[in-house]
Amino acid sequence: MLVPLVYLVVALGQIQGQALGAEAGARHVARAIASAPDAAAATARTDAVLRSVVGEYGIDPDEVRLSLSCRPAGSVCPEAGSTVVVTVSTRVALPLIPSVLGLESLASVPVEASAAHKVSRFWGSE
């Protein structure tokens, strides 16, 4: 009875850690884009933030997916005064699952987090 309980605690701990990493990544990327002066700076900041979050939370960099959208719909993304919405998604492999016959991909949990941030009214003015 103790072994399944310990496995559950370890698995839930890994999932929670990855969920916190995805949430932090989405929040910080949204803030980095919204406060950047232009698209080149936003791209550089986004890359730096993702590298930092992946390293700090132990997320597999090959599993990280980043999507970006802006509100209102149909506007140039990002533009001054719009709201940028960043979604970070990844998959958490469950512990002690062997990597044979594709079991590791079947025994993984998807994790996703989104964050929204208002783009600076000075975007692109420099």
Protein backbone atom coordinates (compact mmCIF):
# COMPACT_ATOMS: atom_id res chain seq x y z
CA MET A 1 0.00 0.00 0.00
CA LEU A 2 2.90 2.36 0.67
CA VAL A 3 4.57 1.97 -2.76
CA PRO A 4 1.57 3.20 -4.82
CA LEU A 5 1.09 6.08 -2.41
CA VAL A 6 4.74 7.15 -2.76
CA TYR A 7 4.50 6.85 -6.56
CA LEU A 8 1.38 9.03 -6.54
CA VAL A 9 3.07 11.69 -4.43
CA VAL A 10 6.14 11.74 -6.70
CA ALA A 11 4.05 11.86 -9.89
CA LEU A 12 1.80 14.64 -8.58
CA GLY A 13 4.88 16.57 -7.45
CA GLN A 14 6.36 16.42 -10.95
CA ILE A 15 3.08 17.47 -12.54
CA GLN A 16 2.70 20.38 -10.12
CA GLY A 17 6.28 21.51 -10.76
CA GLN A 18 5.75 21.50 -14.53
CA ALA A 19 2.41 23.32 -14.13
CA LEU A 20 4.14 26.04 -12.12
CA GLY A 21 6.83 26.26 -14.80
CA ALA A 22 4.27 26.60 -17.59
CA GLU A 23 2.40 29.28 -15.62
CA ALA A 24 5.59 31.21 -14.88
CA GLY A 25 6.67 30.94 -18.50
CA ALA A 26 3.36 32.24 -19.84
CA ARG A 27 3.24 35.11 -17.36
CA HIS A 28 6.83 36.23 -17.88
CA VAL A 29 6.73 35.90 -21.68
CA ALA A 30 3.52 37.95 -21.82
CA ARG A 31 5.12 40.63 -19.66
CA ALA A 32 8.34 40.60 -21.73
CA ILE A 33 6.44 41.03 -25.00
CA ALA A 34 4.09 43.69 -23.65
CA SER A 35 6.89 45.84 -22.25
CA ALA A 36 9.27 45.47 -25.22
CA PRO A 37 9.83 48.53 -27.41
CA ASP A 38 9.62 46.57 -30.69
CA ALA A 39 9.34 43.11 -32.26
CA ALA A 40 13.10 42.39 -32.26
CA ALA A 41 13.39 43.12 -28.54
CA ALA A 42 10.25 41.07 -27.86
CA THR A 43 11.71 38.06 -29.67
CA ALA A 44 15.02 38.30 -27.81
CA ARG A 45 13.26 38.68 -24.46
CA THR A 46 10.93 35.77 -25.18
CA ASP A 47 13.83 33.47 -26.02
CA ALA A 48 15.70 34.47 -22.85
CA VAL A 49 12.65 33.98 -20.64
CA LEU A 50 11.85 30.55 -22.11
CA ARG A 51 15.45 29.37 -21.68
CA SER A 52 15.39 30.53 -18.06
CA VAL A 53 12.06 28.89 -17.24
CA VAL A 54 12.97 25.62 -18.95
CA GLY A 55 16.22 25.45 -17.01
CA GLU A 56 14.76 26.46 -13.67
CA TYR A 57 11.76 24.11 -13.71
CA GLY A 58 13.42 21.20 -15.49
CA ILE A 59 11.01 21.23 -18.42
CA ASP A 60 11.98 19.25 -21.51
CA PRO A 61 12.72 21.97 -24.12
CA ASP A 62 11.52 19.71 -26.95
CA GLU A 63 8.06 19.46 -25.35
CA VAL A 64 7.47 23.21 -24.86
CA ARG A 65 4.97 24.86 -27.21
CA LEU A 66 4.32 28.59 -27.18
CA SER A 67 1.35 30.28 -28.83
CA LEU A 68 0.60 33.98 -29.06
CA SER A 69 -2.61 35.81 -29.85
CA CYS A 70 -3.87 39.35 -29.43
CA ARG A 71 -7.12 40.96 -28.47
CA PRO A 72 -9.06 42.50 -30.13
CA ALA A 73 -9.15 39.76 -32.72
CA GLY A 74 -7.90 40.68 -36.15
CA SER A 75 -5.43 43.26 -34.90
CA VAL A 76 -1.73 43.14 -35.67
CA CYS A 77 -0.05 41.11 -32.98
CA PRO A 78 1.27 42.78 -30.89
CA GLU A 79 0.43 46.43 -31.35
CA ALA A 80 0.21 49.38 -29.00
CA GLY A 81 -2.79 49.15 -26.70
CA SER A 82 -3.77 45.58 -27.56
CA THR A 83 -3.77 42.70 -25.09
CA VAL A 84 -1.32 39.89 -25.77
CA VAL A 85 -2.32 36.37 -24.68
CA VAL A 86 0.49 33.83 -24.32
CA THR A 87 -0.13 30.10 -23.89
CA VAL A 88 2.63 27.69 -22.87
CA SER A 89 1.96 23.97 -23.11
CA THR A 90 4.12 20.96 -22.35
CA ARG A 91 3.84 17.28 -21.43
CA VAL A 92 5.00 15.72 -18.18
CA ALA A 93 6.31 12.17 -18.42
CA LEU A 94 5.28 10.03 -15.47
CA PRO A 95 8.17 8.65 -13.43
CA LEU A 96 9.55 5.11 -13.88
CA ILE A 97 7.86 4.53 -17.25
CA PRO A 98 10.23 2.74 -19.65
CA SER A 99 10.90 4.30 -23.03
CA VAL A 100 10.03 1.19 -25.05
CA LEU A 101 7.18 0.78 -27.52
CA GLY A 102 6.22 4.43 -27.07
CA LEU A 103 5.01 3.97 -23.51
CA GLU A 104 6.57 7.25 -22.36
CA SER A 105 4.36 9.22 -24.76
CA LEU A 106 1.25 7.37 -23.64
CA ALA A 107 2.06 7.82 -19.97
CA SER A 108 2.38 11.59 -19.96
CA VAL A 109 0.17 14.36 -18.72
CA PRO A 110 -0.47 17.52 -20.76
CA VAL A 111 0.03 20.80 -18.91
CA GLU A 112 -1.01 24.20 -20.23
CA ALA A 113 -1.05 27.74 -18.85
CA SER A 114 -2.11 31.09 -20.30
CA ALA A 115 -1.43 34.68 -19.35
CA ALA A 116 -2.63 38.01 -20.72
CA HIS A 117 -0.91 41.38 -20.53
CA LYS A 118 -1.73 44.79 -21.96
CA VAL A 119 0.83 45.96 -24.54
CA SER A 120 2.52 49.26 -23.78
CA ARG A 121 1.10 52.26 -25.59
CA PHE A 122 4.68 53.09 -26.58
CA TRP A 123 5.11 49.81 -28.53
CA GLY A 124 7.06 50.42 -31.72
CA SER A 125 7.55 54.13 -31.09
CA GLU A 126 11.33 53.95 -30.82
